[in-house]
Amino acid sequence: MIVIVIVIVAGIVGWWFWQRQQVWEKISADLSLGENVQILDMSVGNGKTFINLAKQLTVPGKIMGIVKNEKQAQQVKELIKEEVVADRAKVELTDNTNLPFTDHQFDYVLISNLQQVKPAITQGRVLQEAIRVLAFKGTLVITATTVQRYRQLLEYYRFNDIKVKQIGGQRVMVARRN
């Protein structure tokens, strides 16, 4: 019985990771990322999507990934080496509510599963930091189970091109400042 439960749980977790990968592949195709853009991934996760995005870039294009702990940082750094994208991909162990980047540094800022940031009030602070480091004509991409609650804050910060769609069980908000 325990073996069956373990197999079911492993299957669900594997499906979830596969689904997340599919969502980001669709998003990156929709965005038509240029080869030399600057991207900030504020929620690297297992690093696979991060690496796939890095592979789409050419130098001087770069993707910077935020990781939450040293173990995750080491895992992603190993992936970067294995996939030979060190010239385009870097990770930073830092707090998403106080990013060590200059204002308007990134053309794209990506946030996965923003609703998982706890406490909930911190979600607004993470979003403010994403907006601060986003270029004036940049694009912010948020995936979450619900994204409508972020619309008001984005409109306040003069995002006037905000689109929401459903991709593979996730709500995706793409917001551009023009």
N, C-alpha and C. Protein backbone atom coordinates (compact mmCIF):
# COMPACT_ATOMS: atom_id res chain seq x y z
N MET A 1 0.82 -1.19 0.00
CA MET A 1 0.00 0.00 0.00
C MET A 1 0.87 1.26 0.00
N ILE A 2 1.93 1.27 0.80
CA ILE A 2 2.81 2.43 0.87
C ILE A 2 3.50 2.66 -0.47
N VAL A 3 3.88 1.58 -1.13
CA VAL A 3 4.53 1.69 -2.43
C VAL A 3 3.59 2.36 -3.44
N ILE A 4 2.33 2.00 -3.41
CA ILE A 4 1.35 2.60 -4.32
C ILE A 4 1.23 4.10 -4.05
N VAL A 5 1.16 4.48 -2.78
CA VAL A 5 1.07 5.90 -2.42
C VAL A 5 2.30 6.65 -2.90
N ILE A 6 3.48 6.06 -2.71
CA ILE A 6 4.72 6.70 -3.14
C ILE A 6 4.73 6.89 -4.65
N VAL A 7 4.30 5.87 -5.39
CA VAL A 7 4.25 5.96 -6.85
C VAL A 7 3.27 7.05 -7.30
N ILE A 8 2.11 7.11 -6.64
CA ILE A 8 1.13 8.14 -6.99
C ILE A 8 1.67 9.53 -6.71
N VAL A 9 2.27 9.72 -5.54
CA VAL A 9 2.83 11.04 -5.19
C VAL A 9 3.94 11.41 -6.15
N ALA A 10 4.82 10.47 -6.47
CA ALA A 10 5.90 10.75 -7.42
C ALA A 10 5.34 11.12 -8.79
N GLY A 11 4.29 10.44 -9.20
CA GLY A 11 3.65 10.76 -10.48
C GLY A 11 3.06 12.16 -10.49
N ILE A 12 2.42 12.54 -9.40
CA ILE A 12 1.82 13.88 -9.29
C ILE A 12 2.91 14.95 -9.32
N VAL A 13 3.97 14.75 -8.57
CA VAL A 13 5.07 15.72 -8.53
C VAL A 13 5.73 15.82 -9.91
N GLY A 14 5.95 14.68 -10.54
CA GLY A 14 6.54 14.69 -11.89
C GLY A 14 5.65 15.40 -12.88
N TRP A 15 4.35 15.16 -12.81
CA TRP A 15 3.39 15.84 -13.70
C TRP A 15 3.42 17.34 -13.46
N TRP A 16 3.49 17.76 -12.18
CA TRP A 16 3.51 19.18 -11.84
C TRP A 16 4.73 19.86 -12.45
N PHE A 17 5.91 19.23 -12.31
CA PHE A 17 7.12 19.82 -12.89
C PHE A 17 7.03 19.86 -14.42
N TRP A 18 6.52 18.82 -15.03
CA TRP A 18 6.36 18.79 -16.48
C TRP A 18 5.40 19.90 -16.92
N GLN A 19 4.30 20.04 -16.20
CA GLN A 19 3.30 21.06 -16.51
C GLN A 19 3.91 22.45 -16.43
N ARG A 20 4.69 22.71 -15.37
CA ARG A 20 5.35 24.01 -15.19
C ARG A 20 6.29 24.30 -16.36
N GLN A 21 7.03 23.28 -16.77
CA GLN A 21 7.95 23.42 -17.91
C GLN A 21 7.18 23.78 -19.18
N GLN A 22 6.05 23.12 -19.40
CA GLN A 22 5.24 23.39 -20.58
C GLN A 22 4.72 24.82 -20.57
N VAL A 23 4.30 25.29 -19.41
CA VAL A 23 3.79 26.66 -19.28
C VAL A 23 4.87 27.65 -19.70
N TRP A 24 6.08 27.49 -19.17
CA TRP A 24 7.15 28.45 -19.47
C TRP A 24 7.64 28.33 -20.91
N GLU A 25 7.59 27.14 -21.50
CA GLU A 25 7.94 27.03 -22.92
C GLU A 25 6.95 27.81 -23.77
N LYS A 26 5.68 27.71 -23.46
CA LYS A 26 4.64 28.45 -24.18
C LYS A 26 4.82 29.95 -23.98
N ILE A 27 5.09 30.35 -22.73
CA ILE A 27 5.27 31.78 -22.44
C ILE A 27 6.45 32.33 -23.22
N SER A 28 7.59 31.64 -23.19
CA SER A 28 8.78 32.17 -23.88
C SER A 28 8.55 32.24 -25.38
N ALA A 29 7.80 31.30 -25.93
CA ALA A 29 7.48 31.36 -27.37
C ALA A 29 6.59 32.57 -27.66
N ASP A 30 5.62 32.83 -26.79
CA ASP A 30 4.72 33.97 -26.98
C ASP A 30 5.45 35.30 -26.85
N LEU A 31 6.46 35.35 -26.00
CA LEU A 31 7.17 36.61 -25.77
C LEU A 31 8.13 36.95 -26.91
N SER A 32 8.52 35.97 -27.69
CA SER A 32 9.51 36.18 -28.76
C SER A 32 10.74 36.89 -28.20
N LEU A 33 11.37 36.25 -27.24
CA LEU A 33 12.55 36.84 -26.59
C LEU A 33 13.64 37.10 -27.61
N GLY A 34 14.17 38.31 -27.59
CA GLY A 34 15.33 38.63 -28.42
C GLY A 34 16.55 37.92 -27.86
N GLU A 35 17.56 37.77 -28.66
CA GLU A 35 18.74 37.03 -28.23
C GLU A 35 19.58 37.77 -27.21
N ASN A 36 19.54 39.09 -27.18
CA ASN A 36 20.44 39.82 -26.28
C ASN A 36 19.70 40.58 -25.18
N VAL A 37 18.58 40.06 -24.72
CA VAL A 37 17.82 40.72 -23.66
C VAL A 37 18.37 40.37 -22.28
N GLN A 38 17.98 41.18 -21.32
CA GLN A 38 18.35 40.94 -19.92
C GLN A 38 17.09 40.46 -19.19
N ILE A 39 17.17 39.27 -18.58
CA ILE A 39 16.02 38.64 -17.93
C ILE A 39 16.34 38.40 -16.46
N LEU A 40 15.35 38.65 -15.61
CA LEU A 40 15.45 38.29 -14.19
C LEU A 40 14.38 37.26 -13.91
N ASP A 41 14.79 36.09 -13.44
CA ASP A 41 13.87 35.03 -13.02
C ASP A 41 13.86 35.04 -11.50
N MET A 42 12.77 35.54 -10.91
CA MET A 42 12.70 35.71 -9.46
C MET A 42 12.33 34.42 -8.73
N SER A 43 12.08 33.34 -9.45
CA SER A 43 11.69 32.08 -8.81
C SER A 43 12.21 30.92 -9.65
N VAL A 44 13.48 30.63 -9.50
CA VAL A 44 14.18 29.67 -10.36
C VAL A 44 13.65 28.24 -10.23
N GLY A 45 13.25 27.83 -9.04
CA GLY A 45 12.78 26.45 -8.85
C GLY A 45 13.89 25.45 -9.09
N ASN A 46 13.62 24.42 -9.88
CA ASN A 46 14.64 23.39 -10.12
C ASN A 46 15.66 23.79 -11.18
N GLY A 47 15.45 24.91 -11.83
CA GLY A 47 16.43 25.45 -12.77
C GLY A 47 16.22 25.07 -14.22
N LYS A 48 15.33 24.15 -14.52
CA LYS A 48 15.17 23.69 -15.90
C LYS A 48 14.64 24.79 -16.82
N THR A 49 13.62 25.49 -16.39
CA THR A 49 13.08 26.59 -17.20
C THR A 49 14.13 27.69 -17.35
N PHE A 50 14.81 27.99 -16.26
CA PHE A 50 15.88 28.99 -16.25
C PHE A 50 16.94 28.65 -17.31
N ILE A 51 17.37 27.40 -17.34
CA ILE A 51 18.38 26.94 -18.30
C ILE A 51 17.84 27.02 -19.72
N ASN A 52 16.60 26.61 -19.93
CA ASN A 52 16.01 26.68 -21.28
C ASN A 52 15.94 28.11 -21.79
N LEU A 53 15.63 29.04 -20.90
CA LEU A 53 15.62 30.45 -21.29
C LEU A 53 17.04 30.92 -21.62
N ALA A 54 18.01 30.50 -20.82
CA ALA A 54 19.41 30.88 -21.07
C ALA A 54 19.87 30.39 -22.45
N LYS A 55 19.43 29.22 -22.84
CA LYS A 55 19.82 28.66 -24.13
C LYS A 55 19.28 29.47 -25.31
N GLN A 56 18.22 30.23 -25.08
CA GLN A 56 17.65 31.05 -26.14
C GLN A 56 18.41 32.36 -26.35
N LEU A 57 19.30 32.69 -25.42
CA LEU A 57 20.02 33.96 -25.45
C LEU A 57 21.39 33.80 -26.09
N THR A 58 21.91 34.92 -26.59
CA THR A 58 23.31 34.99 -26.98
C THR A 58 23.92 36.19 -26.26
N VAL A 59 25.20 36.10 -25.98
CA VAL A 59 25.90 37.18 -25.31
C VAL A 59 25.82 38.42 -26.19
N PRO A 60 25.46 39.58 -25.66
CA PRO A 60 25.46 39.99 -24.27
C PRO A 60 24.16 39.71 -23.50
N GLY A 61 23.21 38.96 -24.10
CA GLY A 61 22.00 38.60 -23.37
C GLY A 61 22.32 37.78 -22.14
N LYS A 62 21.57 38.03 -21.07
CA LYS A 62 21.81 37.32 -19.81
C LYS A 62 20.50 37.05 -19.10
N ILE A 63 20.50 35.98 -18.32
CA ILE A 63 19.41 35.70 -17.40
C ILE A 63 20.00 35.57 -16.00
N MET A 64 19.41 36.28 -15.08
CA MET A 64 19.82 36.22 -13.67
C MET A 64 18.71 35.52 -12.91
N GLY A 65 19.07 34.53 -12.13
CA GLY A 65 18.08 33.78 -11.37
C GLY A 65 18.24 34.01 -9.88
N ILE A 66 17.12 34.18 -9.20
CA ILE A 66 17.13 34.34 -7.75
C ILE A 66 16.85 32.99 -7.11
N VAL A 67 17.70 32.59 -6.19
CA VAL A 67 17.52 31.34 -5.45
C VAL A 67 17.36 31.66 -3.97
N LYS A 68 16.73 30.71 -3.24
CA LYS A 68 16.37 30.96 -1.85
C LYS A 68 17.38 30.45 -0.84
N ASN A 69 18.22 29.49 -1.23
CA ASN A 69 19.17 28.93 -0.27
C ASN A 69 20.42 28.44 -0.99
N GLU A 70 21.43 28.16 -0.22
CA GLU A 70 22.73 27.76 -0.77
C GLU A 70 22.65 26.44 -1.53
N LYS A 71 21.85 25.50 -1.03
CA LYS A 71 21.72 24.20 -1.71
C LYS A 71 21.14 24.40 -3.12
N GLN A 72 20.10 25.20 -3.21
CA GLN A 72 19.50 25.49 -4.51
C GLN A 72 20.50 26.21 -5.42
N ALA A 73 21.26 27.14 -4.84
CA ALA A 73 22.26 27.87 -5.62
C ALA A 73 23.29 26.90 -6.22
N GLN A 74 23.75 25.95 -5.42
CA GLN A 74 24.73 24.99 -5.92
C GLN A 74 24.15 24.10 -7.01
N GLN A 75 22.90 23.66 -6.83
CA GLN A 75 22.26 22.81 -7.84
C GLN A 75 22.13 23.54 -9.17
N VAL A 76 21.71 24.79 -9.12
CA VAL A 76 21.52 25.56 -10.36
C VAL A 76 22.88 25.88 -10.99
N LYS A 77 23.88 26.19 -10.17
CA LYS A 77 25.23 26.44 -10.71
C LYS A 77 25.77 25.20 -11.43
N GLU A 78 25.50 24.02 -10.89
CA GLU A 78 25.91 22.78 -11.55
C GLU A 78 25.19 22.62 -12.90
N LEU A 79 23.90 22.92 -12.92
CA LEU A 79 23.14 22.87 -14.18
C LEU A 79 23.71 23.84 -15.21
N ILE A 80 24.07 25.03 -14.75
CA ILE A 80 24.65 26.04 -15.65
C ILE A 80 25.92 25.50 -16.29
N LYS A 81 26.77 24.85 -15.48
CA LYS A 81 28.00 24.26 -16.02
C LYS A 81 27.70 23.13 -16.99
N GLU A 82 26.84 22.21 -16.58
CA GLU A 82 26.50 21.05 -17.41
C GLU A 82 25.93 21.47 -18.76
N GLU A 83 25.11 22.49 -18.76
CA GLU A 83 24.44 22.93 -19.99
C GLU A 83 25.23 23.99 -20.76
N VAL A 84 26.41 24.35 -20.26
CA VAL A 84 27.33 25.27 -20.91
C VAL A 84 26.66 26.61 -21.26
N VAL A 85 26.06 27.23 -20.24
CA VAL A 85 25.42 28.53 -20.42
C VAL A 85 25.96 29.57 -19.43
N ALA A 86 27.15 29.33 -18.89
CA ALA A 86 27.71 30.23 -17.88
C ALA A 86 27.94 31.64 -18.40
N ASP A 87 28.10 31.79 -19.70
CA ASP A 87 28.29 33.12 -20.27
C ASP A 87 26.98 33.91 -20.35
N ARG A 88 25.85 33.23 -20.13
CA ARG A 88 24.53 33.87 -20.23
C ARG A 88 23.68 33.73 -18.99
N ALA A 89 24.08 32.89 -18.04
CA ALA A 89 23.23 32.59 -16.88
C ALA A 89 24.01 32.72 -15.58
N LYS A 90 23.41 33.40 -14.63
CA LYS A 90 24.00 33.55 -13.29
C LYS A 90 22.90 33.39 -12.26
N VAL A 91 23.28 32.97 -11.06
CA VAL A 91 22.32 32.90 -9.96
C VAL A 91 22.78 33.79 -8.82
N GLU A 92 21.81 34.27 -8.09
CA GLU A 92 22.07 35.15 -6.96
C GLU A 92 21.23 34.67 -5.78
N LEU A 93 21.90 34.45 -4.66
CA LEU A 93 21.21 34.08 -3.42
C LEU A 93 20.84 35.38 -2.72
N THR A 94 19.57 35.73 -2.78
CA THR A 94 19.14 37.01 -2.21
C THR A 94 17.65 36.96 -1.88
N ASP A 95 17.19 38.02 -1.29
CA ASP A 95 15.80 38.17 -0.87
C ASP A 95 15.02 38.91 -1.96
N ASN A 96 13.91 38.34 -2.40
CA ASN A 96 13.10 38.96 -3.45
C ASN A 96 12.47 40.29 -3.04
N THR A 97 12.49 40.61 -1.77
CA THR A 97 11.91 41.88 -1.33
C THR A 97 12.94 43.00 -1.26
N ASN A 98 14.20 42.67 -1.55
CA ASN A 98 15.27 43.67 -1.51
C ASN A 98 16.37 43.26 -2.49
N LEU A 99 16.08 43.40 -3.77
CA LEU A 99 16.99 42.92 -4.82
C LEU A 99 18.22 43.81 -4.95
N PRO A 100 19.38 43.21 -5.17
CA PRO A 100 20.64 43.97 -5.27
C PRO A 100 20.93 44.48 -6.68
N PHE A 101 19.90 44.84 -7.43
CA PHE A 101 20.07 45.27 -8.81
C PHE A 101 19.67 46.74 -8.95
N THR A 102 20.20 47.36 -9.99
CA THR A 102 19.86 48.77 -10.23
C THR A 102 18.45 48.89 -10.80
N ASP A 103 17.90 50.06 -10.67
CA ASP A 103 16.58 50.34 -11.22
C ASP A 103 16.60 50.14 -12.74
N HIS A 104 15.54 49.55 -13.26
CA HIS A 104 15.31 49.42 -14.70
C HIS A 104 16.39 48.62 -15.43
N GLN A 105 16.96 47.62 -14.76
CA GLN A 105 18.06 46.84 -15.31
C GLN A 105 17.62 45.73 -16.28
N PHE A 106 16.40 45.21 -16.14
CA PHE A 106 15.99 44.02 -16.88
C PHE A 106 14.87 44.30 -17.87
N ASP A 107 14.98 43.68 -19.04
CA ASP A 107 13.94 43.80 -20.07
C ASP A 107 12.71 42.94 -19.72
N TYR A 108 12.96 41.81 -19.08
CA TYR A 108 11.90 40.90 -18.66
C TYR A 108 12.13 40.51 -17.21
N VAL A 109 11.04 40.46 -16.44
CA VAL A 109 11.08 39.93 -15.08
C VAL A 109 10.01 38.86 -15.00
N LEU A 110 10.42 37.68 -14.53
CA LEU A 110 9.53 36.52 -14.45
C LEU A 110 9.32 36.13 -12.99
N ILE A 111 8.06 35.92 -12.63
CA ILE A 111 7.74 35.47 -11.26
C ILE A 111 6.78 34.29 -11.37
N SER A 112 7.22 33.13 -10.89
CA SER A 112 6.37 31.94 -10.88
C SER A 112 5.71 31.78 -9.53
N ASN A 113 4.44 31.42 -9.56
CA ASN A 113 3.70 31.07 -8.34
C ASN A 113 3.80 32.13 -7.25
N LEU A 114 3.52 33.37 -7.61
CA LEU A 114 3.60 34.48 -6.66
C LEU A 114 2.71 34.24 -5.45
N GLN A 115 1.61 33.52 -5.62
CA GLN A 115 0.70 33.28 -4.50
C GLN A 115 1.35 32.45 -3.39
N GLN A 116 2.46 31.78 -3.69
CA GLN A 116 3.13 30.97 -2.67
C GLN A 116 4.03 31.78 -1.74
N VAL A 117 4.24 33.05 -2.06
CA VAL A 117 5.04 33.92 -1.18
C VAL A 117 4.23 34.18 0.08
N LYS A 118 4.81 33.89 1.22
CA LYS A 118 4.12 34.06 2.50
C LYS A 118 4.98 34.93 3.41
N PRO A 119 4.38 35.77 4.22
CA PRO A 119 2.95 36.05 4.32
C PRO A 119 2.47 36.78 3.07
N ALA A 120 1.17 36.78 2.87
CA ALA A 120 0.57 37.33 1.64
C ALA A 120 0.94 38.78 1.40
N ILE A 121 1.12 39.56 2.46
CA ILE A 121 1.47 40.98 2.29
C ILE A 121 2.81 41.14 1.59
N THR A 122 3.66 40.15 1.72
CA THR A 122 4.98 40.18 1.09
C THR A 122 4.88 40.09 -0.43
N GLN A 123 3.79 39.52 -0.95
CA GLN A 123 3.61 39.42 -2.39
C GLN A 123 3.66 40.81 -3.04
N GLY A 124 3.04 41.80 -2.40
CA GLY A 124 3.06 43.16 -2.92
C GLY A 124 4.47 43.73 -2.95
N ARG A 125 5.25 43.43 -1.92
CA ARG A 125 6.64 43.92 -1.87
C ARG A 125 7.49 43.27 -2.96
N VAL A 126 7.30 41.98 -3.19
CA VAL A 126 8.02 41.28 -4.25
C VAL A 126 7.67 41.90 -5.61
N LEU A 127 6.40 42.18 -5.80
CA LEU A 127 5.95 42.79 -7.05
C LEU A 127 6.53 44.19 -7.22
N GLN A 128 6.60 44.96 -6.15
CA GLN A 128 7.20 46.30 -6.22
C GLN A 128 8.68 46.22 -6.63
N GLU A 129 9.40 45.26 -6.08
CA GLU A 129 10.81 45.10 -6.45
C GLU A 129 10.95 44.69 -7.91
N ALA A 130 10.07 43.81 -8.37
CA ALA A 130 10.09 43.40 -9.78
C ALA A 130 9.89 44.61 -10.68
N ILE A 131 8.95 45.46 -10.32
CA ILE A 131 8.66 46.66 -11.10
C ILE A 131 9.84 47.62 -11.07
N ARG A 132 10.49 47.75 -9.92
CA ARG A 132 11.63 48.66 -9.78
C ARG A 132 12.78 48.28 -10.72
N VAL A 133 13.06 46.98 -10.84
CA VAL A 133 14.21 46.56 -11.66
C VAL A 133 13.85 46.35 -13.13
N LEU A 134 12.57 46.46 -13.47
CA LEU A 134 12.12 46.28 -14.84
C LEU A 134 12.37 47.55 -15.65
N ALA A 135 12.88 47.37 -16.87
CA ALA A 135 13.12 48.50 -17.78
C ALA A 135 11.81 49.23 -18.07
N PHE A 136 11.93 50.50 -18.45
CA PHE A 136 10.74 51.33 -18.71
C PHE A 136 9.81 50.71 -19.76
N LYS A 137 10.36 50.07 -20.76
CA LYS A 137 9.52 49.40 -21.76
C LYS A 137 9.60 47.90 -21.60
N GLY A 138 9.79 47.45 -20.36
CA GLY A 138 9.96 46.03 -20.08
C GLY A 138 8.65 45.26 -19.96
N THR A 139 8.81 43.96 -19.80
CA THR A 139 7.67 43.05 -19.69
C THR A 139 7.79 42.24 -18.41
N LEU A 140 6.70 42.22 -17.65
CA LEU A 140 6.60 41.46 -16.41
C LEU A 140 5.70 40.27 -16.67
N VAL A 141 6.15 39.07 -16.30
CA VAL A 141 5.34 37.86 -16.47
C VAL A 141 5.15 37.22 -15.10
N ILE A 142 3.89 37.01 -14.73
CA ILE A 142 3.55 36.41 -13.43
C ILE A 142 2.70 35.18 -13.69
N THR A 143 3.08 34.06 -13.07
CA THR A 143 2.19 32.90 -13.07
C THR A 143 1.70 32.70 -11.65
N ALA A 144 0.44 32.35 -11.54
CA ALA A 144 -0.17 32.12 -10.24
C ALA A 144 -1.52 31.44 -10.46
N THR A 145 -2.09 30.94 -9.39
CA THR A 145 -3.42 30.35 -9.52
C THR A 145 -4.44 31.44 -9.79
N THR A 146 -4.20 32.63 -9.27
CA THR A 146 -5.03 33.79 -9.59
C THR A 146 -4.11 35.00 -9.71
N VAL A 147 -4.29 35.79 -10.75
CA VAL A 147 -3.41 36.93 -10.97
C VAL A 147 -4.14 38.26 -10.95
N GLN A 148 -5.46 38.23 -10.96
CA GLN A 148 -6.23 39.47 -11.05
C GLN A 148 -5.94 40.44 -9.90
N ARG A 149 -5.60 39.91 -8.73
CA ARG A 149 -5.34 40.79 -7.59
C ARG A 149 -4.13 41.69 -7.80
N TYR A 150 -3.26 41.34 -8.74
CA TYR A 150 -2.07 42.13 -9.00
C TYR A 150 -2.31 43.24 -10.02
N ARG A 151 -3.40 43.17 -10.73
CA ARG A 151 -3.71 44.13 -11.80
C ARG A 151 -3.74 45.57 -11.29
N GLN A 152 -4.39 45.81 -10.15
CA GLN A 152 -4.52 47.18 -9.64
C GLN A 152 -3.15 47.80 -9.36
N LEU A 153 -2.27 47.03 -8.75
CA LEU A 153 -0.93 47.55 -8.47
C LEU A 153 -0.18 47.84 -9.78
N LEU A 154 -0.31 46.97 -10.75
CA LEU A 154 0.36 47.19 -12.04
C LEU A 154 -0.19 48.41 -12.76
N GLU A 155 -1.49 48.60 -12.70
CA GLU A 155 -2.08 49.80 -13.31
C GLU A 155 -1.60 51.06 -12.61
N TYR A 156 -1.45 51.00 -11.30
CA TYR A 156 -0.92 52.14 -10.53
C TYR A 156 0.48 52.51 -11.02
N TYR A 157 1.28 51.50 -11.35
CA TYR A 157 2.64 51.73 -11.85
C TYR A 157 2.70 51.91 -13.37
N ARG A 158 1.57 52.25 -13.97
CA ARG A 158 1.45 52.62 -15.38
C ARG A 158 1.72 51.50 -16.38
N PHE A 159 1.35 50.30 -15.99
CA PHE A 159 1.32 49.21 -16.97
C PHE A 159 -0.02 49.33 -17.67
N ASN A 160 0.01 49.57 -18.99
CA ASN A 160 -1.26 49.76 -19.68
C ASN A 160 -1.55 48.64 -20.69
N ASP A 161 -0.69 47.69 -20.78
CA ASP A 161 -0.92 46.54 -21.65
C ASP A 161 -0.82 45.28 -20.78
N ILE A 162 -1.94 44.88 -20.20
CA ILE A 162 -1.98 43.75 -19.28
C ILE A 162 -2.89 42.68 -19.87
N LYS A 163 -2.34 41.51 -20.09
CA LYS A 163 -3.12 40.41 -20.62
C LYS A 163 -3.03 39.21 -19.67
N VAL A 164 -4.15 38.53 -19.51
CA VAL A 164 -4.21 37.33 -18.66
C VAL A 164 -4.74 36.19 -19.50
N LYS A 165 -4.07 35.05 -19.41
CA LYS A 165 -4.56 33.87 -20.09
C LYS A 165 -4.29 32.63 -19.25
N GLN A 166 -4.97 31.58 -19.60
CA GLN A 166 -4.83 30.29 -18.94
C GLN A 166 -3.92 29.43 -19.80
N ILE A 167 -2.84 28.91 -19.20
CA ILE A 167 -1.95 28.00 -19.92
C ILE A 167 -1.68 26.81 -18.99
N GLY A 168 -2.12 25.65 -19.39
CA GLY A 168 -1.81 24.44 -18.65
C GLY A 168 -2.13 24.47 -17.17
N GLY A 169 -3.27 24.95 -16.79
CA GLY A 169 -3.65 24.96 -15.38
C GLY A 169 -3.12 26.15 -14.60
N GLN A 170 -2.39 27.02 -15.23
CA GLN A 170 -1.84 28.21 -14.58
C GLN A 170 -2.43 29.46 -15.22
N ARG A 171 -2.67 30.46 -14.42
CA ARG A 171 -3.02 31.78 -14.94
C ARG A 171 -1.70 32.50 -15.19
N VAL A 172 -1.61 33.14 -16.33
CA VAL A 172 -0.40 33.86 -16.71
C VAL A 172 -0.78 35.30 -17.01
N MET A 173 -0.11 36.22 -16.34
CA MET A 173 -0.32 37.65 -16.59
C MET A 173 0.95 38.17 -17.26
N VAL A 174 0.77 38.77 -18.42
CA VAL A 174 1.87 39.43 -19.12
C VAL A 174 1.55 40.91 -19.13
N ALA A 175 2.41 41.69 -18.49
CA ALA A 175 2.16 43.13 -18.36
C ALA A 175 3.34 43.89 -18.96
N ARG A 176 3.00 44.85 -19.83
CA ARG A 176 4.04 45.65 -20.48
C ARG A 176 3.79 47.12 -20.18
N ARG A 177 4.91 47.82 -19.98
CA ARG A 177 4.84 49.29 -19.91
C ARG A 177 5.22 49.81 -21.28
N ASN A 178 4.42 50.68 -21.83
CA ASN A 178 4.72 51.23 -23.16
C ASN A 178 5.24 52.64 -23.06
